[in-house]
Protein backbone atom coordinates (compact mmCIF):
# COMPACT_ATOMS: atom_id res chain seq x y z
CA UNK A 1 16.12 16.94 -40.34
CA UNK A 2 16.87 17.24 -44.01
CA UNK A 3 17.80 15.06 -46.93
CA UNK A 4 21.31 15.83 -48.08
CA UNK A 5 20.99 14.28 -51.50
CA UNK A 6 17.34 14.26 -52.46
CA UNK A 7 16.00 14.35 -55.96
CA UNK A 8 14.48 17.60 -57.15
CA UNK A 9 11.12 15.88 -57.09
CA UNK A 10 11.50 15.20 -53.39
CA UNK A 11 11.15 18.88 -52.52
CA UNK A 12 13.52 21.39 -50.95
CA UNK A 13 16.57 19.94 -49.24
CA UNK A 14 19.68 21.45 -47.71
CA UNK A 15 22.57 21.91 -50.10
CA UNK A 16 25.06 19.07 -50.37
CA UNK A 17 27.93 18.04 -52.66
CA UNK A 18 25.62 15.73 -54.65
CA UNK A 19 22.80 18.25 -55.07
CA UNK A 20 21.46 19.30 -58.45
CA UNK A 21 24.36 20.39 -60.72
CA UNK A 22 24.91 24.13 -60.91
CA UNK A 23 27.56 26.59 -62.02
CA UNK A 24 28.98 27.10 -58.53
CA UNK A 25 28.19 27.06 -54.83
CA UNK A 26 27.21 29.76 -52.40
CA UNK A 27 30.30 30.58 -50.34
CA UNK A 28 30.47 31.13 -46.56
CA UNK A 29 31.59 34.74 -46.18
CA UNK A 30 29.17 36.32 -43.69
CA UNK A 31 30.42 36.97 -40.16
CA UNK A 32 28.68 38.25 -37.04
CA UNK A 33 29.05 41.96 -37.89
CA UNK A 34 27.65 41.58 -41.41
CA UNK A 35 24.88 39.41 -39.99
CA UNK A 36 23.86 42.15 -37.53
CA UNK A 37 23.82 44.69 -40.38
CA UNK A 38 21.60 42.43 -42.49
CA UNK A 39 19.22 41.75 -39.62
CA UNK A 40 19.00 45.41 -38.63
CA UNK A 41 18.24 46.49 -42.20
CA UNK A 42 15.71 43.69 -42.71
CA UNK A 43 13.75 44.45 -39.53
CA UNK A 44 13.98 48.24 -39.28
CA UNK A 45 12.08 49.35 -42.37
CA UNK A 46 10.82 52.76 -43.38
CA UNK A 47 7.69 52.08 -41.35
CA UNK A 48 9.62 53.17 -38.26
CA UNK A 49 9.16 56.75 -39.46
CA UNK A 50 5.36 56.65 -39.32
CA UNK A 51 4.39 53.82 -36.96
CA UNK A 52 5.44 55.52 -33.68
CA UNK A 53 3.08 58.42 -34.34
CA UNK A 54 0.34 56.33 -35.94
CA UNK A 55 0.17 53.80 -33.09
CA UNK A 56 0.38 56.52 -30.42
CA UNK A 57 -2.73 58.08 -31.96
CA UNK A 58 -4.47 54.70 -31.64
CA UNK A 59 -3.53 53.97 -28.01
CA UNK A 60 -2.19 57.15 -26.42
CA UNK A 61 0.76 56.75 -24.00
CA UNK A 62 -0.37 53.13 -23.45
CA UNK A 63 1.16 52.45 -26.86
CA UNK A 64 4.38 51.79 -24.91
CA UNK A 65 2.73 48.58 -23.69
CA UNK A 66 2.02 47.63 -27.31
CA UNK A 67 5.64 48.30 -28.28
CA UNK A 68 6.91 46.20 -25.36
CA UNK A 69 4.60 43.32 -26.32
CA UNK A 70 5.73 43.55 -29.95
CA UNK A 71 9.38 43.53 -28.88
CA UNK A 72 8.69 40.30 -26.98
CA UNK A 73 7.02 38.74 -30.02
CA UNK A 74 9.91 39.88 -32.20
CA UNK A 75 12.41 38.25 -29.84
CA UNK A 76 10.46 34.97 -29.91
CA UNK A 77 10.30 34.99 -33.70
CA UNK A 78 14.00 35.88 -33.94
CA UNK A 79 14.98 33.02 -31.63
CA UNK A 80 12.78 30.58 -33.55
CA UNK A 81 14.22 31.44 -36.97
CA UNK A 82 17.77 31.51 -35.60
CA UNK A 83 17.31 28.00 -34.17
CA UNK A 84 15.96 26.69 -37.47
CA UNK A 85 18.57 28.46 -39.60
CA UNK A 86 21.54 27.36 -37.49
CA UNK A 87 20.35 23.73 -37.65
CA UNK A 88 19.48 23.79 -41.37
CA UNK A 89 21.62 26.51 -42.98
CA UNK A 90 20.26 26.50 -46.52
CA UNK A 91 19.27 29.09 -49.11
CA UNK A 92 15.73 27.68 -49.03
CA UNK A 93 15.17 29.13 -45.55
CA UNK A 94 11.49 28.92 -44.62
CA UNK A 95 10.84 26.55 -47.54
CA UNK A 96 13.49 24.15 -46.27
CA UNK A 97 12.09 24.10 -42.72
CA UNK A 98 8.50 23.57 -43.80
CA UNK A 99 9.58 20.81 -46.18
CA UNK A 100 11.34 19.02 -43.34
CA UNK A 101 8.29 19.36 -41.10
CA UNK A 102 5.34 18.90 -43.46
CA UNK A 103 6.63 17.60 -46.77
CA UNK A 104 7.76 18.96 -50.15
CA UNK A 105 4.40 20.32 -51.32
CA UNK A 106 3.92 22.51 -48.23
CA UNK A 107 7.57 23.54 -48.42
CA UNK A 108 7.36 24.55 -52.07
CA UNK A 109 4.14 26.51 -51.60
CA UNK A 110 5.53 28.27 -48.51
CA UNK A 111 8.61 29.16 -50.55
CA UNK A 112 6.41 30.71 -53.22
CA UNK A 113 4.47 32.65 -50.57
CA UNK A 114 7.63 34.22 -49.24
CA UNK A 115 9.14 34.72 -52.69
CA UNK A 116 6.10 36.72 -53.80
CA UNK A 117 5.93 38.60 -50.49
CA UNK A 118 9.62 39.50 -50.55
CA UNK A 119 9.60 40.48 -54.22
CA UNK A 120 6.45 42.62 -54.06
CA UNK A 121 7.91 44.14 -50.91
CA UNK A 122 10.60 45.61 -53.13
CA UNK A 123 7.91 47.75 -54.65
CA UNK A 124 6.65 48.96 -51.27
CA UNK A 125 9.96 49.73 -49.55
CA UNK A 126 11.59 51.81 -52.33
CA UNK A 127 8.29 53.62 -52.95
CA UNK A 128 8.10 54.61 -49.28
CA UNK A 129 11.52 56.22 -49.56
CA UNK A 130 10.48 57.78 -52.85
CA UNK A 131 7.47 59.49 -51.26
CA UNK A 132 9.57 61.10 -48.52
CA UNK A 133 12.27 62.27 -50.91
CA UNK A 134 9.78 63.65 -53.46
CA UNK A 135 8.08 65.58 -50.66
CA UNK A 136 11.37 67.05 -49.47
CA UNK A 137 12.38 68.06 -53.00
CA UNK A 138 9.03 69.70 -53.61
CA UNK A 139 8.36 67.69 -56.78
CA UNK A 140 5.14 65.93 -57.73
CA UNK A 141 4.20 62.60 -56.17
CA UNK A 142 4.64 60.91 -59.55
CA UNK A 143 8.39 61.48 -59.15
CA UNK A 144 8.31 59.11 -56.17
CA UNK A 145 8.07 56.18 -58.57
CA UNK A 146 11.23 57.25 -60.43
CA UNK A 147 13.08 57.71 -57.13
CA UNK A 148 11.88 54.26 -56.03
CA UNK A 149 13.15 52.75 -59.28
CA UNK A 150 16.57 54.33 -58.61
CA UNK A 151 16.63 52.78 -55.11
CA UNK A 152 15.78 49.37 -56.56
CA UNK A 153 18.43 49.77 -59.27
CA UNK A 154 21.05 50.59 -56.62
CA UNK A 155 20.18 47.38 -54.74
CA UNK A 156 20.41 45.41 -58.00
CA UNK A 157 23.90 46.73 -58.76
CA UNK A 158 25.06 46.17 -55.18
CA UNK A 159 23.91 42.56 -55.14
CA UNK A 160 25.25 41.71 -58.59
CA UNK A 161 28.66 42.96 -57.42
CA UNK A 162 28.90 40.13 -54.89
CA UNK A 163 28.46 39.56 -51.18
CA UNK A 164 31.70 41.38 -50.25
CA UNK A 165 30.71 44.64 -51.93
CA UNK A 166 27.14 44.28 -50.67
CA UNK A 167 28.43 43.65 -47.13
CA UNK A 168 30.30 46.94 -46.93
CA UNK A 169 27.27 48.85 -48.22
CA UNK A 170 24.96 47.02 -45.82
CA UNK A 171 27.10 47.79 -42.77
CA UNK A 172 27.22 51.47 -43.75
CA UNK A 173 23.43 51.64 -44.08
CA UNK A 174 22.90 49.81 -40.78
CA UNK A 175 25.18 52.25 -38.94
CA UNK A 176 23.41 55.21 -40.56
CA UNK A 177 19.97 53.90 -39.53
CA UNK A 178 21.13 53.25 -35.96
CA UNK A 179 22.59 56.75 -35.64
CA UNK A 180 19.47 58.37 -37.12
CA UNK A 181 17.12 56.64 -34.67
CA UNK A 182 19.44 57.28 -31.73
CA UNK A 183 19.70 60.99 -32.50
CA UNK A 184 15.91 61.24 -32.86
CA UNK A 185 15.36 59.44 -29.55
CA UNK A 186 17.83 61.52 -27.54
CA UNK A 187 16.53 64.77 -29.04
CA UNK A 188 12.95 63.81 -28.21
CA UNK A 189 13.47 62.54 -24.68
CA UNK A 190 15.50 65.63 -23.79
CA UNK A 191 12.43 67.76 -24.68
CA UNK A 192 9.90 65.70 -22.72
CA UNK A 193 6.71 67.54 -21.77
CA UNK A 194 5.25 67.44 -18.28
CA UNK A 195 2.11 65.33 -18.01
CA UNK A 196 2.70 63.65 -21.39
CA UNK A 197 1.80 60.23 -19.92
CA UNK A 198 -1.63 61.30 -18.67
CA UNK A 199 -4.21 60.05 -19.43
CA UNK A 200 -2.27 56.84 -19.98
CA UNK A 201 -4.87 54.82 -21.92
CA UNK A 202 -7.43 57.26 -23.39
CA UNK A 203 -8.73 54.66 -25.86
CA UNK A 204 -8.73 51.71 -23.48
CA UNK A 205 -7.51 48.19 -24.12
CA UNK A 206 -8.94 48.14 -27.65
CA UNK A 207 -6.58 50.95 -28.64
CA UNK A 208 -3.60 48.96 -27.38
CA UNK A 209 -4.84 45.90 -29.30
CA UNK A 210 -5.17 47.85 -32.54
CA UNK A 211 -1.64 49.18 -32.08
CA UNK A 212 -0.28 45.64 -31.56
CA UNK A 213 -1.80 44.49 -34.87
CA UNK A 214 -0.23 47.41 -36.73
CA UNK A 215 3.13 46.85 -35.04
CA UNK A 216 3.18 43.16 -35.96
CA UNK A 217 4.61 44.08 -39.33
CA UNK A 218 7.17 46.46 -37.83
CA UNK A 219 8.94 43.41 -36.44
CA UNK A 220 8.84 41.34 -39.63
CA UNK A 221 12.21 40.56 -41.20
CA UNK A 222 13.73 37.97 -38.86
CA UNK A 223 12.97 35.30 -41.45
CA UNK A 224 14.83 37.15 -44.22
CA UNK A 225 18.38 36.43 -43.03
CA UNK A 226 17.51 32.71 -42.70
CA UNK A 227 17.91 32.40 -46.48
CA UNK A 228 21.50 33.60 -46.11
CA UNK A 229 22.33 31.18 -43.28
CA UNK A 230 24.28 28.88 -45.61
CA UNK A 231 26.65 31.78 -46.34
CA UNK A 232 27.57 32.42 -42.69
CA UNK A 233 31.12 31.34 -41.96
CA UNK A 234 29.96 29.43 -38.87
CA UNK A 235 26.12 29.32 -38.80
CA UNK A 236 25.87 27.65 -35.39
CA UNK A 237 28.05 30.32 -33.79
CA UNK A 238 27.69 33.52 -35.81
CA UNK A 239 23.97 33.38 -36.61
CA UNK A 240 22.71 33.12 -33.00
CA UNK A 241 25.19 35.83 -31.98
CA UNK A 242 24.02 38.17 -34.74
CA UNK A 243 20.40 37.46 -33.82
CA UNK A 244 20.90 38.16 -30.11
CA UNK A 245 22.78 41.41 -30.75
CA UNK A 246 20.13 42.63 -33.21
CA UNK A 247 17.23 41.74 -30.90
CA UNK A 248 18.74 44.00 -28.24
CA UNK A 249 19.50 46.82 -30.71
CA UNK A 250 16.04 46.73 -32.29
CA UNK A 251 14.28 46.66 -28.90
CA UNK A 252 16.33 49.58 -27.58
CA UNK A 253 15.93 51.70 -30.73
CA UNK A 254 12.21 51.00 -31.15
CA UNK A 255 11.32 51.58 -27.50
CA UNK A 256 13.43 54.73 -27.36
CA UNK A 257 11.71 56.17 -30.44
CA UNK A 258 8.28 55.24 -29.04
CA UNK A 259 9.05 56.92 -25.71
CA UNK A 260 10.38 60.04 -27.46
CA UNK A 261 7.23 60.40 -29.58
CA UNK A 262 4.95 59.92 -26.56
CA UNK A 263 6.75 62.29 -24.15
CA UNK A 264 6.91 65.07 -26.76
CA UNK A 265 3.27 64.50 -27.83
CA UNK A 266 4.40 64.24 -31.45
CA UNK A 267 1.19 62.52 -32.54
CA UNK A 268 -2.53 63.04 -32.77
CA UNK A 269 -3.10 64.21 -36.35
CA UNK A 270 -2.31 62.63 -39.73
CA UNK A 271 0.42 65.21 -40.41
CA UNK A 272 2.02 64.80 -36.99
CA UNK A 273 1.92 61.00 -37.26
CA UNK A 274 3.57 61.11 -40.69
CA UNK A 275 6.43 63.37 -39.58
CA UNK A 276 6.78 62.36 -35.91
CA UNK A 277 10.32 60.99 -36.22
CA UNK A 278 11.23 63.77 -38.66
CA UNK A 279 10.25 66.38 -36.06
CA UNK A 280 12.46 64.68 -33.47
CA UNK A 281 15.37 64.54 -35.90
CA UNK A 282 14.95 68.20 -36.79
CA UNK A 283 15.56 69.09 -33.14
CA UNK A 284 18.70 66.99 -32.98
CA UNK A 285 20.16 67.95 -36.35
CA UNK A 286 18.88 71.47 -36.75
CA UNK A 287 17.17 70.84 -40.09
CA UNK A 288 13.57 70.86 -41.24
CA UNK A 289 11.34 67.96 -40.24
CA UNK A 290 10.55 67.09 -43.86
CA UNK A 291 14.23 67.07 -44.87
CA UNK A 292 15.20 65.01 -41.83
CA UNK A 293 12.48 62.45 -42.51
CA UNK A 294 13.50 62.25 -46.17
CA UNK A 295 17.15 61.59 -45.32
CA UNK A 296 16.17 58.91 -42.82
CA UNK A 297 13.73 57.31 -45.27
CA UNK A 298 16.34 57.20 -48.02
CA UNK A 299 18.95 55.50 -45.81
CA UNK A 300 16.44 53.02 -44.41
CA UNK A 301 14.84 52.12 -47.74
CA UNK A 302 18.22 51.65 -49.44
CA UNK A 303 19.44 49.35 -46.66
CA UNK A 304 16.21 47.36 -46.45
CA UNK A 305 15.92 46.89 -50.21
CA UNK A 306 19.54 45.79 -50.45
CA UNK A 307 19.07 43.23 -47.66
CA UNK A 308 15.84 41.77 -49.03
CA UNK A 309 17.10 41.47 -52.61
CA UNK A 310 20.04 39.48 -51.22
CA UNK A 311 17.79 37.29 -49.09
CA UNK A 312 14.91 36.59 -51.47
CA UNK A 313 17.26 35.95 -54.41
CA UNK A 314 18.73 33.04 -52.40
CA UNK A 315 15.25 31.61 -51.92
CA UNK A 316 14.61 31.88 -55.66
CA UNK A 317 17.90 30.06 -56.28
CA UNK A 318 16.84 27.25 -53.90
CA UNK A 319 13.38 26.95 -55.44
CA UNK A 320 14.88 26.71 -58.93
CA UNK A 321 17.41 24.16 -57.65
CA UNK A 322 14.48 21.94 -56.69
CA UNK A 323 12.43 22.63 -59.84
CA UNK A 324 9.84 24.92 -58.23
CA UNK A 325 11.05 27.69 -60.57
CA UNK A 326 12.67 27.68 -64.05
CA UNK A 327 16.17 26.22 -63.96
CA UNK A 328 18.00 29.32 -65.34
CA UNK A 329 17.14 31.12 -62.08
CA UNK A 330 19.57 28.85 -60.20
CA UNK A 331 22.54 30.25 -62.15
CA UNK A 332 25.48 31.49 -60.06
CA UNK A 333 27.96 34.05 -61.36
CA UNK A 334 31.74 33.80 -61.00
CA UNK A 335 31.30 35.88 -57.82
CA UNK A 336 28.98 33.16 -56.44
CA UNK A 337 25.96 35.46 -56.80
CA UNK A 338 22.58 33.87 -57.67
CA UNK A 339 22.14 36.32 -60.53
CA UNK A 340 18.96 34.66 -61.77
CA UNK A 341 17.34 35.19 -58.39
CA UNK A 342 18.61 38.77 -58.10
CA UNK A 343 17.16 39.65 -61.50
CA UNK A 344 13.87 37.89 -60.71
CA UNK A 345 13.30 39.76 -57.43
CA UNK A 346 14.27 43.07 -59.01
CA UNK A 347 12.05 42.44 -62.04
CA UNK A 348 9.01 41.73 -59.85
CA UNK A 349 9.68 44.80 -57.71
CA UNK A 350 10.15 46.92 -60.84
CA UNK A 351 7.01 45.55 -62.46
CA UNK A 352 5.11 46.45 -59.30
CA UNK A 353 6.37 50.02 -59.56
CA UNK A 354 5.23 50.25 -63.18
CA UNK A 355 1.75 48.90 -62.36
CA UNK A 356 1.49 51.20 -59.34
CA UNK A 357 2.51 54.20 -61.47
CA UNK A 358 0.00 53.38 -64.22
CA UNK A 359 -2.86 52.65 -61.80
CA UNK A 360 -1.97 55.42 -59.36
CA UNK A 361 -1.65 52.98 -56.47
CA UNK A 362 0.11 53.87 -53.23
CA UNK A 363 1.89 51.65 -50.74
CA UNK A 364 -1.31 51.23 -48.70
CA UNK A 365 -2.86 49.14 -51.52
CA UNK A 366 0.25 47.14 -52.42
CA UNK A 367 1.34 46.29 -48.87
CA UNK A 368 -1.67 43.99 -48.40
CA UNK A 369 0.03 41.38 -50.61
CA UNK A 370 3.29 40.92 -48.66
CA UNK A 371 1.63 41.52 -45.28
CA UNK A 372 -0.91 38.71 -45.75
CA UNK A 373 1.61 36.27 -47.20
CA UNK A 374 4.24 36.92 -44.51
CA UNK A 375 1.68 36.28 -41.78
CA UNK A 376 0.96 32.89 -43.34
CA UNK A 377 4.67 32.12 -43.66
CA UNK A 378 5.23 32.98 -39.98
CA UNK A 379 2.40 30.71 -38.90
CA UNK A 380 3.68 27.71 -40.90
CA UNK A 381 7.34 28.33 -40.03
CA UNK A 382 6.70 28.52 -36.29
CA UNK A 383 4.55 25.38 -36.51
CA UNK A 384 7.48 23.70 -38.30
CA UNK A 385 9.81 24.71 -35.49
CA UNK A 386 7.45 23.19 -32.90
CA UNK A 387 7.56 19.94 -34.85
CA UNK A 388 11.31 19.87 -35.57
CA UNK A 389 12.95 21.32 -32.46
CA UNK A 390 13.18 19.92 -28.94
CA UNK A 391 13.94 21.51 -25.58
CA UNK A 392 13.43 25.10 -24.45
CA UNK A 393 13.60 26.43 -28.01
CA UNK A 394 10.48 24.41 -28.81
CA UNK A 395 8.63 26.28 -26.06
CA UNK A 396 9.80 29.56 -27.55
CA UNK A 397 8.57 28.47 -30.99
CA UNK A 398 5.21 27.43 -29.54
CA UNK A 399 4.82 30.84 -27.91
CA UNK A 400 5.69 32.55 -31.22
CA UNK A 401 3.10 30.38 -32.99
CA UNK A 402 0.36 31.32 -30.52
CA UNK A 403 1.11 35.05 -30.64
CA UNK A 404 1.25 34.96 -34.45
CA UNK A 405 -2.08 33.13 -34.59
CA UNK A 406 -3.68 36.02 -32.68
CA UNK A 407 -3.21 38.23 -35.74
CA UNK A 408 -4.59 35.70 -38.25
CA UNK A 409 -8.32 36.61 -37.88
CA UNK A 410 -7.49 40.16 -38.97
CA UNK A 411 -6.28 38.83 -42.36
CA UNK A 412 -9.42 36.87 -43.30
CA UNK A 413 -10.51 39.61 -45.68
CA UNK A 414 -7.42 39.01 -47.82
CA UNK A 415 -7.32 35.19 -47.96
CA UNK A 416 -7.63 35.28 -51.75
CA UNK A 417 -3.99 36.40 -51.97
CA UNK A 418 -2.37 33.20 -50.58
CA UNK A 419 -4.96 31.09 -52.43
CA UNK A 420 -3.98 32.61 -55.79
CA UNK A 421 -0.24 32.19 -55.07
CA UNK A 422 -0.81 28.57 -53.99
CA UNK A 423 -2.67 27.75 -57.22
CA UNK A 424 0.11 29.36 -59.26
CA UNK A 425 2.84 27.44 -57.39
CA UNK A 426 1.17 24.05 -57.69
CA UNK A 427 0.17 24.73 -61.30
CA UNK A 428 3.74 25.58 -62.27
CA UNK A 429 5.13 22.57 -60.39
CA UNK A 430 2.73 20.17 -62.07
CA UNK A 431 3.35 21.45 -65.60
CA UNK A 432 7.10 21.58 -65.03
CA UNK A 433 7.35 17.99 -63.78
CA UNK A 434 5.12 16.84 -66.63
CA UNK A 435 7.46 18.56 -69.09
CA UNK A 436 10.50 16.96 -67.44
CA UNK A 437 8.81 13.57 -67.63
CA UNK A 438 8.00 14.08 -71.29
CA UNK A 439 11.61 15.00 -72.05
CA UNK A 440 12.78 11.91 -70.17
CA UNK A 441 10.49 9.65 -72.19
CA UNK A 442 11.74 11.19 -75.44
CA UNK A 443 15.33 10.61 -74.37
CA UNK A 444 14.63 6.96 -73.55
CA UNK A 445 12.88 6.45 -76.89
CA UNK A 446 15.78 8.05 -78.76
CA UNK A 447 18.28 5.83 -76.90
CA UNK A 448 16.33 2.68 -77.82
CA UNK A 449 16.14 3.62 -81.53
CA UNK A 450 19.74 4.69 -82.12
CA UNK A 451 21.37 1.23 -81.83
CA UNK A 452 19.04 -0.13 -84.53
CA UNK A 453 19.79 2.81 -86.85
CA UNK A 454 23.52 2.15 -86.61
CA UNK A 455 23.21 -1.59 -86.76
């Protein structure tokens, strides 16, 4: 399915001993437990604090149908990416799979789509945590940007320290997030109100449909760990195990939170929707709803940012390895960390925070960039799986492709985003290869002149 020794001009290929020279190689150090922590942090973002209330307001108690449908879609996507990653464990992830299925140009562009989405996402995720914490501290909203920068800086330091240090931090965050959501769920369900499920669908089928579209992005993140597949100790064994365990955990936690919000009627107004999970936590922990939501948001945003910086930096490393990005980005430290990629992702996320602070933008404006690009990546990646995989997994991939395609019409208003990124990717690739060709011609000319000079 992949070329083990292709030239950089041939596109993205899985890593091999004869690949482009570099300062080191990514080591296989990730086991099942660390994999579960990475998956959990990548999928369960800070959106879990607001989406249960927001979607319940759209659909009423029937939102539970929307959550169940989204859990099914999430499981299909998880299985598809796990199948691809275990077969082609490479830092290129989605770029590697699409290259194998549709050629190097599609693979490189898809890699750029996800690189931009994942990097800009590191503006959105820390800023979400920053908003909650600034609210709890009673400081101005402008302080949210400084708090977000601190979250991003923490992820930078964690990742530069190496996968072992990052692993311990990631596991701690994953456990904290799981406990937070479990406490909120139990506290909510134990205070269920009579008649909370009636009327079941006050806004009809359209309300359920609107909730499904919103929840699509609550289940994004399964693709992120694919870029770390080459660092699993045994990708064919550990990666599917980690995926299966996380699918169950995410489904249980999400459905439990959704049920708790519905049965306690913790939705219906903008304020209730925003603090729905915080209100549930306040009952279980005996603290204020705002403080509880802030603590949860901080833990979730730290874990998610840490996981995505690790993942997207590997993609940047792979793109640079194949000359889709400047070569210095493929540098590996003595700890086998793709430091160039880590700095690139952090720099883009930080630049986004600066622009957002200057322009006064909130997450609702910025999130359109990663949301639109990730939808495109999912569509191409699932199509790649249909083309590359055989057997029952191919049927799963086909189902994931169809369900993903349902959401595509809702993104037509933002098609300019992937178009601009595509032009930038192909423009860079063309100029870079032209420069490499020019350097090669100069070298050949110099070689042909030198013998005469010394003769």
